[in-house]
PDB file of N, CA and C in Angstrom:
ATOM      1  N   MET A   1      48.800  31.064  14.558  1.00  0.00           N
ATOM      2  CA  MET A   1      49.668  30.584  14.405  1.00  0.00           C
ATOM      3  C   MET A   1      50.755  31.102  13.444  1.00  0.00           C
ATOM      4  N   ILE A   2      51.782  31.415  13.562  1.00  0.00           N
ATOM      5  CA  ILE A   2      52.570  32.502  12.020  1.00  0.00           C
ATOM      6  C   ILE A   2      53.664  31.227  12.145  1.00  0.00           C
ATOM      7  N   ARG A   3      53.798  31.050  10.723  1.00  0.00           N
ATOM      8  CA  ARG A   3      54.341  29.699   9.867  1.00  0.00           C
ATOM      9  C   ARG A   3      54.981  30.756   9.203  1.00  0.00           C
ATOM     10  N   ASN A   4      55.979  29.261   9.519  1.00  0.00           N
ATOM     11  CA  ASN A   4      57.288  29.644   8.113  1.00  0.00           C
ATOM     12  C   ASN A   4      58.488  29.159   8.171  1.00  0.00           C
ATOM     13  N   ARG A   5      59.032  29.517   7.794  1.00  0.00           N
ATOM     14  CA  ARG A   5      60.154  27.725   8.160  1.00  0.00           C
ATOM     15  C   ARG A   5      60.842  27.127   9.012  1.00  0.00           C
ATOM     16  N   ARG A   6      60.997  27.774  10.071  1.00  0.00           N
ATOM     17  CA  ARG A   6      61.389  27.399  10.971  1.00  0.00           C
ATOM     18  C   ARG A   6      59.933  26.787  12.088  1.00  0.00           C
ATOM     19  N   THR A   7      58.831  26.683  11.725  1.00  0.00           N
ATOM     20  CA  THR A   7      57.554  26.493  12.167  1.00  0.00           C
ATOM     21  C   THR A   7      56.936  25.283  11.677  1.00  0.00           C
ATOM     22  N   ALA A   8      56.837  25.348  10.346  1.00  0.00           N
ATOM     23  CA  ALA A   8      56.013  24.594   9.254  1.00  0.00           C
ATOM     24  C   ALA A   8      56.997  23.016   9.043  1.00  0.00           C
ATOM     25  N   GLU A   9      55.569  22.480   8.454  1.00  0.00           N
ATOM     26  CA  GLU A   9      56.108  21.345   8.734  1.00  0.00           C
ATOM     27  C   GLU A   9      57.385  20.566   7.045  1.00  0.00           C
ATOM     28  N   HIS A  10      58.209  20.224   7.509  1.00  0.00           N
ATOM     29  CA  HIS A  10      59.602  20.228   6.354  1.00  0.00           C
ATOM     30  C   HIS A  10      59.640  18.512   6.213  1.00  0.00           C
ATOM     31  N   TYR A  11      60.281  19.174   4.518  1.00  0.00           N
ATOM     32  CA  TYR A  11      59.916  17.820   4.083  1.00  0.00           C
ATOM     33  C   TYR A  11      60.302  17.687   2.942  1.00  0.00           C
ATOM     34  N   LYS A  12      61.816  16.823   2.056  1.00  0.00           N
ATOM     35  CA  LYS A  12      62.286  16.590   1.270  1.00  0.00           C
ATOM     36  C   LYS A  12      61.872  16.492  -0.134  1.00  0.00           C
ATOM     37  N   TRP A  13      62.108  16.198  -0.909  1.00  0.00           N
ATOM     38  CA  TRP A  13      62.068  15.955  -2.881  1.00  0.00           C
ATOM     39  C   TRP A  13      63.469  15.811  -3.418  1.00  0.00           C
ATOM     40  N   GLY A  14      63.670  15.085  -4.193  1.00  0.00           N
ATOM     41  CA  GLY A  14      65.023  14.719  -4.114  1.00  0.00           C
ATOM     42  C   GLY A  14      66.052  15.224  -3.668  1.00  0.00           C
ATOM     43  N   ASN A  15      66.963  16.714  -3.942  1.00  0.00           N
ATOM     44  CA  ASN A  15      67.570  17.227  -3.207  1.00  0.00           C
ATOM     45  C   ASN A  15      67.136  19.050  -3.271  1.00  0.00           C
ATOM     46  N   CYS A  16      65.467  18.839  -2.841  1.00  0.00           N
ATOM     47  CA  CYS A  16      64.755  20.192  -2.296  1.00  0.00           C
ATOM     48  C   CYS A  16      64.169  20.033  -1.321  1.00  0.00           C
ATOM     49  N   ASP A  17      64.374  20.971  -0.780  1.00  0.00           N
ATOM     50  CA  ASP A  17      63.427  21.217   0.660  1.00  0.00           C
ATOM     51  C   ASP A  17      62.351  21.902   0.255  1.00  0.00           C
ATOM     52  N   ALA A  18      61.178  21.524   1.242  1.00  0.00           N
ATOM     53  CA  ALA A  18      60.106  22.627   0.816  1.00  0.00           C
ATOM     54  C   ALA A  18      59.347  22.278   2.428  1.00  0.00           C
ATOM     55  N   TRP A  19      58.589  23.411   2.636  1.00  0.00           N
ATOM     56  CA  TRP A  19      58.191  23.473   3.405  1.00  0.00           C
ATOM     57  C   TRP A  19      56.350  23.793   3.869  1.00  0.00           C
ATOM     58  N   ARG A  20      55.297  23.272   4.253  1.00  0.00           N
ATOM     59  CA  ARG A  20      53.518  23.687   4.045  1.00  0.00           C
ATOM     60  C   ARG A  20      53.937  24.326   5.120  1.00  0.00           C
ATOM     61  N   LEU A  21      53.783  25.864   4.710  1.00  0.00           N
ATOM     62  CA  LEU A  21      53.135  26.534   5.356  1.00  0.00           C
ATOM     63  C   LEU A  21      51.399  26.431   5.158  1.00  0.00           C
ATOM     64  N   LEU A  22      50.977  26.112   4.695  1.00  0.00           N
ATOM     65  CA  LEU A  22      49.643  25.857   4.849  1.00  0.00           C
ATOM     66  C   LEU A  22      48.977  24.029   3.594  1.00  0.00           C
ATOM     67  N   ASP A  23      48.568  23.527   5.092  1.00  0.00           N
ATOM     68  CA  ASP A  23      47.767  22.298   3.903  1.00  0.00           C
ATOM     69  C   ASP A  23      46.330  21.588   4.788  1.00  0.00           C
ATOM     70  N   GLN A  24      45.452  22.301   3.718  1.00  0.00           N
ATOM     71  CA  GLN A  24      44.628  22.103   4.061  1.00  0.00           C
ATOM     72  C   GLN A  24      43.949  21.729   2.951  1.00  0.00           C
ATOM     73  N   PRO A  25      42.338  20.932   2.810  1.00  0.00           N
ATOM     74  CA  PRO A  25      42.623  20.203   1.258  1.00  0.00           C
ATOM     75  C   PRO A  25      41.704  20.807   0.587  1.00  0.00           C
ATOM     76  N   ASP A  26      41.226  22.267   0.952  1.00  0.00           N
ATOM     77  CA  ASP A  26      40.761  23.211  -0.232  1.00  0.00           C
ATOM     78  C   ASP A  26      42.495  23.816  -0.657  1.00  0.00           C
ATOM     79  N   LEU A  27      43.282  23.487  -0.072  1.00  0.00           N
ATOM     80  CA  LEU A  27      44.277  25.014  -0.754  1.00  0.00           C
ATOM     81  C   LEU A  27      45.497  24.520   0.358  1.00  0.00           C
ATOM     82  N   THR A  28      46.970  24.711  -0.218  1.00  0.00           N
ATOM     83  CA  THR A  28      47.972  23.952  -0.084  1.00  0.00           C
ATOM     84  C   THR A  28      48.818  25.398  -0.100  1.00  0.00           C
ATOM     85  N   VAL A  29      49.522  25.535   0.560  1.00  0.00           N
ATOM     86  CA  VAL A  29      51.038  26.708   0.670  1.00  0.00           C
ATOM     87  C   VAL A  29      51.871  25.580   0.700  1.00  0.00           C
ATOM     88  N   ILE A  30      53.031  25.896  -0.037  1.00  0.00           N
ATOM     89  CA  ILE A  30      54.362  25.043   0.263  1.00  0.00           C
ATOM     90  C   ILE A  30      55.744  25.565  -0.558  1.00  0.00           C
ATOM     91  N   GLN A  31      56.468  26.395   0.294  1.00  0.00           N
ATOM     92  CA  GLN A  31      57.264  27.717   0.147  1.00  0.00           C
ATOM     93  C   GLN A  31      58.719  26.188  -0.296  1.00  0.00           C
ATOM     94  N   GLU A  32      59.373  25.947  -1.462  1.00  0.00           N
ATOM     95  CA  GLU A  32      60.430  25.118  -1.824  1.00  0.00           C
ATOM     96  C   GLU A  32      62.039  26.429  -2.097  1.00  0.00           C
ATOM     97  N   LEU A  33      63.229  25.174  -1.580  1.00  0.00           N
ATOM     98  CA  LEU A  33      63.651  25.587  -2.152  1.00  0.00           C
ATOM     99  C   LEU A  33      64.753  25.016  -2.615  1.00  0.00           C
ATOM    100  N   MET A  34      65.029  25.004  -4.639  1.00  0.00           N
ATOM    101  CA  MET A  34      65.663  24.104  -5.400  1.00  0.00           C
ATOM    102  C   MET A  34      66.734  25.023  -5.191  1.00  0.00           C
ATOM    103  N   PRO A  35      67.919  24.169  -5.346  1.00  0.00           N
ATOM    104  CA  PRO A  35      69.785  23.817  -5.524  1.00  0.00           C
ATOM    105  C   PRO A  35      69.681  24.307  -7.196  1.00  0.00           C
ATOM    106  N   PRO A  36      70.914  24.799  -7.600  1.00  0.00           N
ATOM    107  CA  PRO A  36      71.164  24.365  -9.027  1.00  0.00           C
ATOM    108  C   PRO A  36      71.098  22.765  -9.993  1.00  0.00           C
ATOM    109  N   GLY A  37      70.010  23.424 -11.077  1.00  0.00           N
ATOM    110  CA  GLY A  37      70.142  22.029 -11.314  1.00  0.00           C
ATOM    111  C   GLY A  37      68.643  21.138 -11.130  1.00  0.00           C
ATOM    112  N   ALA A  38      68.779  21.190 -10.033  1.00  0.00           N
ATOM    113  CA  ALA A  38      67.392  20.947  -9.358  1.00  0.00           C
ATOM    114  C   ALA A  38      66.226  20.227 -10.680  1.00  0.00           C
ATOM    115  N   ALA A  39      65.192  19.546 -10.248  1.00  0.00           N
ATOM    116  CA  ALA A  39      63.914  19.643 -11.184  1.00  0.00           C
ATOM    117  C   ALA A  39      63.165  18.571 -11.291  1.00  0.00           C
ATOM    118  N   GLU A  40      61.695  18.351 -10.941  1.00  0.00           N
ATOM    119  CA  GLU A  40      61.032  17.777 -11.166  1.00  0.00           C
ATOM    120  C   GLU A  40      60.148  17.280 -13.131  1.00  0.00           C
ATOM    121  N   VAL A  41      60.074  15.532 -12.678  1.00  0.00           N
ATOM    122  CA  VAL A  41      59.666  15.731 -14.238  1.00  0.00           C
ATOM    123  C   VAL A  41      58.294  16.269 -13.972  1.00  0.00           C
ATOM    124  N   ARG A  42      57.705  16.098 -15.871  1.00  0.00           N
ATOM    125  CA  ARG A  42      56.914  16.385 -16.341  1.00  0.00           C
ATOM    126  C   ARG A  42      55.530  15.255 -15.255  1.00  0.00           C
ATOM    127  N   HIS A  43      54.381  16.404 -15.391  1.00  0.00           N
ATOM    128  CA  HIS A  43      53.210  16.049 -14.684  1.00  0.00           C
ATOM    129  C   HIS A  43      52.123  17.035 -14.861  1.00  0.00           C
ATOM    130  N   PHE A  44      50.937  16.587 -14.541  1.00  0.00           N
ATOM    131  CA  PHE A  44      49.934  17.167 -14.677  1.00  0.00           C
ATOM    132  C   PHE A  44      48.585  16.475 -12.793  1.00  0.00           C
ATOM    133  N   HIS A  45      48.604  18.132 -12.974  1.00  0.00           N
ATOM    134  CA  HIS A  45      47.216  17.501 -11.914  1.00  0.00           C
ATOM    135  C   HIS A  45      45.962  17.323 -12.105  1.00  0.00           C
ATOM    136  N   ARG A  46      45.406  16.721 -11.169  1.00  0.00           N
ATOM    137  CA  ARG A  46      43.377  16.202 -12.537  1.00  0.00           C
ATOM    138  C   ARG A  46      43.161  17.266 -11.916  1.00  0.00           C
ATOM    139  N   ARG A  47      42.939  18.122 -10.617  1.00  0.00           N
ATOM    140  CA  ARG A  47      42.184  18.687  -9.930  1.00  0.00           C
ATOM    141  C   ARG A  47      42.200  20.137  -9.568  1.00  0.00           C
ATOM    142  N   ALA A  48      43.479  20.059  -9.382  1.00  0.00           N
ATOM    143  CA  ALA A  48      44.623  21.265  -8.880  1.00  0.00           C
ATOM    144  C   ALA A  48      44.408  22.159  -9.589  1.00  0.00           C
ATOM    145  N   ARG A  49      44.437  23.613  -9.604  1.00  0.00           N
ATOM    146  CA  ARG A  49      45.238  24.311 -10.236  1.00  0.00           C
ATOM    147  C   ARG A  49      46.469  25.046  -9.044  1.00  0.00           C
ATOM    148  N   GLN A  50      47.298  25.255  -9.940  1.00  0.00           N
ATOM    149  CA  GLN A  50      48.714  25.975  -8.770  1.00  0.00           C
ATOM    150  C   GLN A  50      49.488  27.026  -9.756  1.00  0.00           C
ATOM    151  N   LEU A  51      49.023  28.145  -8.378  1.00  0.00           N
ATOM    152  CA  LEU A  51      49.833  29.104  -8.669  1.00  0.00           C
ATOM    153  C   LEU A  51      51.983  29.362  -8.101  1.00  0.00           C
ATOM    154  N   PHE A  52      52.482  29.175  -9.318  1.00  0.00           N
ATOM    155  CA  PHE A  52      54.259  29.578  -8.904  1.00  0.00           C
ATOM    156  C   PHE A  52      54.140  30.533  -8.243  1.00  0.00           C
ATOM    157  N   PHE A  53      55.286  31.235  -7.612  1.00  0.00           N
ATOM    158  CA  PHE A  53      55.558  32.663  -7.540  1.00  0.00           C
ATOM    159  C   PHE A  53      57.464  32.525  -7.448  1.00  0.00           C
ATOM    160  N   VAL A  54      57.666  33.073  -7.825  1.00  0.00           N
ATOM    161  CA  VAL A  54      59.170  32.664  -7.645  1.00  0.00           C
ATOM    162  C   VAL A  54      59.459  34.561  -6.875  1.00  0.00           C
ATOM    163  N   LEU A  55      60.084  33.637  -5.031  1.00  0.00           N
ATOM    164  CA  LEU A  55      60.722  35.325  -4.153  1.00  0.00           C
ATOM    165  C   LEU A  55      62.374  35.267  -4.739  1.00  0.00           C
ATOM    166  N   ALA A  56      62.655  33.798  -4.995  1.00  0.00           N
ATOM    167  CA  ALA A  56      64.846  34.381  -5.884  1.00  0.00           C
ATOM    168  C   ALA A  56      64.984  33.447  -6.287  1.00  0.00           C
ATOM    169  N   GLY A  57      65.968  34.110  -7.207  1.00  0.00           N
ATOM    170  CA  GLY A  57      66.536  33.005  -8.079  1.00  0.00           C
ATOM    171  C   GLY A  57      65.979  33.215  -9.001  1.00  0.00           C
ATOM    172  N   ARG A  58      65.601  31.989 -10.848  1.00  0.00           N
ATOM    173  CA  ARG A  58      64.989  31.902 -11.841  1.00  0.00           C
ATOM    174  C   ARG A  58      64.914  30.584 -11.596  1.00  0.00           C
ATOM    175  N   MET A  59      63.492  30.308 -12.546  1.00  0.00           N
ATOM    176  CA  MET A  59      62.758  29.121 -12.282  1.00  0.00           C
ATOM    177  C   MET A  59      62.125  28.966 -14.041  1.00  0.00           C
ATOM    178  N   GLN A  60      62.379  27.883 -13.923  1.00  0.00           N
ATOM    179  CA  GLN A  60      62.525  27.426 -15.197  1.00  0.00           C
ATOM    180  C   GLN A  60      61.156  26.352 -15.353  1.00  0.00           C
ATOM    181  N   ILE A  61      59.746  26.806 -16.260  1.00  0.00           N
ATOM    182  CA  ILE A  61      59.038  26.115 -16.105  1.00  0.00           C
ATOM    183  C   ILE A  61      58.743  25.588 -18.072  1.00  0.00           C
ATOM    184  N   GLU A  62      58.742  24.051 -18.223  1.00  0.00           N
ATOM    185  CA  GLU A  62      58.021  23.773 -19.531  1.00  0.00           C
ATOM    186  C   GLU A  62      56.338  23.946 -19.171  1.00  0.00           C
ATOM    187  N   MET A  63      55.879  24.437 -20.102  1.00  0.00           N
ATOM    188  CA  MET A  63      53.898  23.703 -19.876  1.00  0.00           C
ATOM    189  C   MET A  63      54.124  23.968 -21.785  1.00  0.00           C
ATOM    190  N   ALA A  64      53.427  24.074 -22.053  1.00  0.00           N
ATOM    191  CA  ALA A  64      52.404  24.275 -23.614  1.00  0.00           C
ATOM    192  C   ALA A  64      53.307  23.674 -24.483  1.00  0.00           C
ATOM    193  N   GLU A  65      54.161  22.921 -24.994  1.00  0.00           N
ATOM    194  CA  GLU A  65      55.442  23.436 -25.838  1.00  0.00           C
ATOM    195  C   GLU A  65      56.504  24.634 -25.439  1.00  0.00           C
ATOM    196  N   GLN A  66      56.286  25.308 -24.901  1.00  0.00           N
ATOM    197  CA  GLN A  66      56.595  25.995 -24.470  1.00  0.00           C
ATOM    198  C   GLN A  66      58.120  25.728 -23.315  1.00  0.00           C
ATOM    199  N   VAL A  67      59.150  26.819 -23.255  1.00  0.00           N
ATOM    200  CA  VAL A  67      59.843  27.149 -21.884  1.00  0.00           C
ATOM    201  C   VAL A  67      60.387  28.111 -21.354  1.00  0.00           C
ATOM    202  N   LEU A  68      59.410  29.074 -20.004  1.00  0.00           N
ATOM    203  CA  LEU A  68      59.564  30.095 -19.168  1.00  0.00           C
ATOM    204  C   LEU A  68      60.277  30.194 -18.517  1.00  0.00           C
ATOM    205  N   THR A  69      61.213  31.507 -18.951  1.00  0.00           N
ATOM    206  CA  THR A  69      61.715  32.066 -17.740  1.00  0.00           C
ATOM    207  C   THR A  69      60.986  32.796 -16.497  1.00  0.00           C
ATOM    208  N   LEU A  70      61.404  32.628 -15.168  1.00  0.00           N
ATOM    209  CA  LEU A  70      61.056  33.579 -14.089  1.00  0.00           C
ATOM    210  C   LEU A  70      61.778  34.155 -13.286  1.00  0.00           C
ATOM    211  N   GLU A  71      61.167  35.171 -12.913  1.00  0.00           N
ATOM    212  CA  GLU A  71      62.365  35.581 -11.883  1.00  0.00           C
ATOM    213  C   GLU A  71      61.616  36.348 -10.623  1.00  0.00           C
ATOM    214  N   ALA A  72      62.402  36.467  -9.363  1.00  0.00           N
ATOM    215  CA  ALA A  72      62.121  36.949  -8.622  1.00  0.00           C
ATOM    216  C   ALA A  72      61.288  37.618  -9.065  1.00  0.00           C
ATOM    217  N   GLY A  73      59.533  37.631  -8.076  1.00  0.00           N
ATOM    218  CA  GLY A  73      58.499  38.728  -8.224  1.00  0.00           C
ATOM    219  C   GLY A  73      57.837  38.106  -9.392  1.00  0.00           C
ATOM    220  N   ASP A  74      57.963  37.521  -9.692  1.00  0.00           N
ATOM    221  CA  ASP A  74      57.662  36.762 -11.412  1.00  0.00           C
ATOM    222  C   ASP A  74      56.187  35.442 -10.736  1.00  0.00           C
ATOM    223  N   SER A  75      55.315  35.272 -11.298  1.00  0.00           N
ATOM    224  CA  SER A  75      53.858  34.357 -11.092  1.00  0.00           C
ATOM    225  C   SER A  75      53.289  33.628 -12.489  1.00  0.00           C
ATOM    226  N   ILE A  76      53.404  31.917 -12.247  1.00  0.00           N
ATOM    227  CA  ILE A  76      52.390  31.810 -13.881  1.00  0.00           C
ATOM    228  C   ILE A  76      51.791  30.246 -13.206  1.00  0.00           C
ATOM    229  N   GLU A  77      50.556  30.699 -13.626  1.00  0.00           N
ATOM    230  CA  GLU A  77      49.699  29.516 -13.270  1.00  0.00           C
ATOM    231  C   GLU A  77      49.141  28.443 -14.601  1.00  0.00           C
ATOM    232  N   VAL A  78      49.098  27.661 -13.420  1.00  0.00           N
ATOM    233  CA  VAL A  78      48.902  26.164 -14.626  1.00  0.00           C
ATOM    234  C   VAL A  78      47.771  25.249 -13.979  1.00  0.00           C
ATOM    235  N   ALA A  79      47.568  24.932 -15.251  1.00  0.00           N
ATOM    236  CA  ALA A  79      45.277  24.980 -14.866  1.00  0.00           C
ATOM    237  C   ALA A  79      45.881  24.110 -14.655  1.00  0.00           C
ATOM    238  N   PRO A  80      44.216  22.764 -14.412  1.00  0.00           N
ATOM    239  CA  PRO A  80      44.490  21.589 -14.156  1.00  0.00           C
ATOM    240  C   PRO A  80      44.706  21.131 -14.925  1.00  0.00           C
ATOM    241  N   GLN A  81      45.523  19.702 -15.425  1.00  0.00           N
ATOM    242  CA  GLN A  81      45.796  18.870 -16.834  1.00  0.00           C
ATOM    243  C   GLN A  81      46.024  19.062 -17.090  1.00  0.00           C
ATOM    244  N   GLN A  82      47.269  20.582 -17.545  1.00  0.00           N
ATOM    245  CA  GLN A  82      48.225  21.078 -17.480  1.00  0.00           C
ATOM    246  C   GLN A  82      49.893  20.196 -17.106  1.00  0.00           C
ATOM    247  N   PRO A  83      49.786  19.659 -18.522  1.00  0.00           N
ATOM    248  CA  PRO A  83      51.396  18.930 -18.732  1.00  0.00           C
ATOM    249  C   PRO A  83      52.564  20.277 -17.453  1.00  0.00           C
ATOM    250  N   HIS A  84      53.461  20.007 -16.937  1.00  0.00           N
ATOM    251  CA  HIS A  84      54.198  21.113 -16.300  1.00  0.00           C
ATOM    252  C   HIS A  84      55.656  20.189 -16.384  1.00  0.00           C
ATOM    253  N   CYS A  85      56.249  20.919 -16.238  1.00  0.00           N
ATOM    254  CA  CYS A  85      57.752  20.871 -15.536  1.00  0.00           C
ATOM    255  C   CYS A  85      58.584  22.399 -14.278  1.00  0.00           C
ATOM    256  N   VAL A  86      58.877  22.688 -13.561  1.00  0.00           N
ATOM    257  CA  VAL A  86      59.899  23.379 -12.866  1.00  0.00           C
ATOM    258  C   VAL A  86      61.164  23.075 -12.697  1.00  0.00           C
ATOM    259  N   ARG A  87      62.116  23.565 -12.922  1.00  0.00           N
ATOM    260  CA  ARG A  87      63.933  23.265 -13.019  1.00  0.00           C
ATOM    261  C   ARG A  87      64.212  24.524 -12.414  1.00  0.00           C
ATOM    262  N   ASN A  88      65.368  23.959 -11.607  1.00  0.00           N
ATOM    263  CA  ASN A  88      66.137  25.017 -11.739  1.00  0.00           C
ATOM    264  C   ASN A  88      67.911  25.513 -12.559  1.00  0.00           C
ATOM    265  N   ALA A  89      67.810  25.592 -13.567  1.00  0.00           N
ATOM    266  CA  ALA A  89      69.036  25.917 -14.647  1.00  0.00           C
ATOM    267  C   ALA A  89      69.445  26.633 -14.173  1.00  0.00           C
ATOM    268  N   SER A  90      69.461  28.321 -12.914  1.00  0.00           N
ATOM    269  CA  SER A  90      69.805  29.080 -13.543  1.00  0.00           C
ATOM    270  C   SER A  90      72.081  28.105 -12.055  1.00  0.00           C
ATOM    271  N   ALA A  91      72.573  28.784 -11.385  1.00  0.00           N
ATOM    272  CA  ALA A  91      73.759  28.452 -10.695  1.00  0.00           C
ATOM    273  C   ALA A  91      73.538  28.687  -9.081  1.00  0.00           C
ATOM    274  N   ASP A  92      72.474  29.111  -9.121  1.00  0.00           N
ATOM    275  CA  ASP A  92      71.867  30.493  -8.154  1.00  0.00           C
ATOM    276  C   ASP A  92      70.687  28.628  -7.029  1.00  0.00           C
ATOM    277  N   ASP A  93      70.426  29.391  -6.248  1.00  0.00           N
ATOM    278  CA  ASP A  93      69.197  28.266  -5.254  1.00  0.00           C
ATOM    279  C   ASP A  93      68.185  29.245  -5.775  1.00  0.00           C
ATOM    280  N   LEU A  94      66.991  28.296  -6.013  1.00  0.00           N
ATOM    281  CA  LEU A  94      65.428  29.135  -6.633  1.00  0.00           C
ATOM    282  C   LEU A  94      64.266  28.679  -5.392  1.00  0.00           C
ATOM    283  N   SER A  95      64.352  29.685  -4.987  1.00  0.00           N
ATOM    284  CA  SER A  95      63.002  30.226  -3.743  1.00  0.00           C
ATOM    285  C   SER A  95      61.690  30.396  -4.049  1.00  0.00           C
ATOM    286  N   LEU A  96      60.560  29.444  -3.920  1.00  0.00           N
ATOM    287  CA  LEU A  96      59.225  29.789  -4.708  1.00  0.00           C
ATOM    288  C   LEU A  96      58.156  29.482  -3.749  1.00  0.00           C
ATOM    289  N   LEU A  97      56.659  30.211  -3.928  1.00  0.00           N
ATOM    290  CA  LEU A  97      55.747  29.146  -3.594  1.00  0.00           C
ATOM    291  C   LEU A  97      54.711  28.703  -4.675  1.00  0.00           C
ATOM    292  N   VAL A  98      54.148  27.550  -4.161  1.00  0.00           N
ATOM    293  CA  VAL A  98      53.660  27.173  -4.981  1.00  0.00           C
ATOM    294  C   VAL A  98      51.885  26.853  -3.935  1.00  0.00           C
ATOM    295  N   VAL A  99      51.112  27.432  -5.017  1.00  0.00           N
ATOM    296  CA  VAL A  99      49.716  27.365  -4.113  1.00  0.00           C
ATOM    297  C   VAL A  99      49.178  26.215  -5.037  1.00  0.00           C
ATOM    298  N   SER A 100      48.456  25.884  -4.541  1.00  0.00           N
ATOM    299  CA  SER A 100      47.431  24.839  -4.753  1.00  0.00           C
ATOM    300  C   SER A 100      46.285  24.859  -4.346  1.00  0.00           C
ATOM    301  N   ALA A 101      45.195  24.862  -5.041  1.00  0.00           N
ATOM    302  CA  ALA A 101      44.007  24.775  -5.032  1.00  0.00           C
ATOM    303  C   ALA A 101      42.964  24.147  -5.968  1.00  0.00           C
ATOM    304  N   PRO A 102      42.400  22.918  -5.429  1.00  0.00           N
ATOM    305  CA  PRO A 102      42.135  22.336  -3.837  1.00  0.00           C
ATOM    306  C   PRO A 102      43.690  21.102  -3.692  1.00  0.00           C
ATOM    307  N   SER A 103      43.634  21.256  -2.546  1.00  0.00           N
ATOM    308  CA  SER A 103      45.252  20.120  -2.338  1.00  0.00           C
ATOM    309  C   SER A 103      45.357  19.242  -3.585  1.00  0.00           C
ATOM    310  N   THR A 104      46.759  18.648  -3.914  1.00  0.00           N
ATOM    311  CA  THR A 104      47.688  18.520  -4.770  1.00  0.00           C
ATOM    312  C   THR A 104      47.543  16.915  -4.116  1.00  0.00           C
ATOM    313  N   HIS A 105      47.434  16.322  -2.769  1.00  0.00           N
ATOM    314  CA  HIS A 105      47.265  15.173  -2.337  1.00  0.00           C
ATOM    315  C   HIS A 105      46.421  14.547  -3.502  1.00  0.00           C
ATOM    316  N   GLY A 106      47.097  12.880  -3.333  1.00  0.00           N
ATOM    317  CA  GLY A 106      46.446  12.082  -4.349  1.00  0.00           C
ATOM    318  C   GLY A 106      46.821  12.622  -6.281  1.00  0.00           C
ATOM    319  N   ASP A 107      46.974  13.269  -6.726  1.00  0.00           N
ATOM    320  CA  ASP A 107      46.173  14.166  -7.479  1.00  0.00           C
ATOM    321  C   ASP A 107      47.028  14.447  -8.949  1.00  0.00           C
ATOM    322  N   ARG A 108      48.447  14.335  -8.558  1.00  0.00           N
ATOM    323  CA  ARG A 108      49.258  13.883  -9.566  1.00  0.00           C
ATOM    324  C   ARG A 108      49.249  12.736 -10.790  1.00  0.00           C
ATOM    325  N   GLU A 109      49.257  12.443 -11.574  1.00  0.00           N
ATOM    326  CA  GLU A 109      49.904  12.083 -13.006  1.00  0.00           C
ATOM    327  C   GLU A 109      51.224  12.550 -13.396  1.00  0.00           C
ATOM    328  N   GLU A 110      52.240  11.231 -12.766  1.00  0.00           N
ATOM    329  CA  GLU A 110      53.107  11.177 -14.130  1.00  0.00           C
ATOM    330  C   GLU A 110      53.146  10.914 -15.314  1.00  0.00           C
ATOM    331  N   ASN A 111      53.910  12.338 -16.051  1.00  0.00           N
ATOM    332  CA  ASN A 111      54.461  11.564 -17.737  1.00  0.00           C
ATOM    333  C   ASN A 111      56.267  10.900 -17.624  1.00  0.00           C
ATOM    334  N   GLU A 112      56.524  11.171 -16.746  1.00  0.00           N
ATOM    335  CA  GLU A 112      58.524  10.131 -16.762  1.00  0.00           C
ATOM    336  C   GLU A 112      58.288   9.577 -15.666  1.00  0.00           C
ATOM    337  N   PRO A 113      59.385   8.610 -15.853  1.00  0.00           N
ATOM    338  CA  PRO A 113      59.472   7.928 -14.421  1.00  0.00           C
ATOM    339  C   PRO A 113      59.602   9.076 -13.300  1.00  0.00           C
ATOM    340  N   LEU A 114      59.605   8.163 -12.177  1.00  0.00           N
ATOM    341  CA  LEU A 114      60.132   8.067 -10.949  1.00  0.00           C
ATOM    342  C   LEU A 114      61.343   8.517 -10.191  1.00  0.00           C
ATOM    343  N   GLN A 115      61.875   9.962 -10.256  1.00  0.00           N
ATOM    344  CA  GLN A 115      63.785   9.727  -9.683  1.00  0.00           C
ATOM    345  C   GLN A 115      63.309  10.167  -8.319  1.00  0.00           C
ATOM    346  N   GLY A 116      62.796  10.574  -7.582  1.00  0.00           N
ATOM    347  CA  GLY A 116      62.936  11.014  -6.048  1.00  0.00           C
ATOM    348  C   GLY A 116      62.336  12.299  -5.856  1.00  0.00           C
ATOM    349  N   GLU A 117      61.611  12.170  -7.102  1.00  0.00           N
ATOM    350  CA  GLU A 117      61.090  14.440  -7.361  1.00  0.00           C
ATOM    351  C   GLU A 117      60.052  14.556  -6.139  1.00  0.00           C
ATOM    352  N   ARG A 118      59.176  15.482  -6.452  1.00  0.00           N
ATOM    353  CA  ARG A 118      58.178  15.602  -5.307  1.00  0.00           C
ATOM    354  C   ARG A 118      57.175  14.742  -5.457  1.00  0.00           C
ATOM    355  N   ARG A 119      56.465  14.553  -5.289  1.00  0.00           N
ATOM    356  CA  ARG A 119      55.250  13.138  -5.503  1.00  0.00           C
ATOM    357  C   ARG A 119      53.858  13.826  -4.921  1.00  0.00           C
ATOM    358  N   ARG A 120      53.589  15.282  -4.963  1.00  0.00           N
ATOM    359  CA  ARG A 120      52.569  16.343  -4.756  1.00  0.00           C
ATOM    360  C   ARG A 120      52.181  16.820  -6.203  1.00  0.00           C
TER     361      ARG A 120
END
């Protein structure tokens, strides 16, 4: 089956949109659309390794006491147990892929109180 934003399961977290392009226990691929100013809270995953790939826009990620900026075509790996926080600090929408292995279902530990952010 061809998967895209029209055919994939859609969900919202905060004011962001997400589509589950692949959702298996050993691997998930999610396309996300984050409007300007959107951010998740700092968190980590006990088991999952993640890759964030920017499709369009600019993404800031806070990890390892650094704030890094990624642009379209850039990616970054986040190891298990690595606290991180993704935000769109630009004036344009941010479109990205989040690839996680294994799935992040039940694998997220918050470092800040919940405020409607992504819970995976």
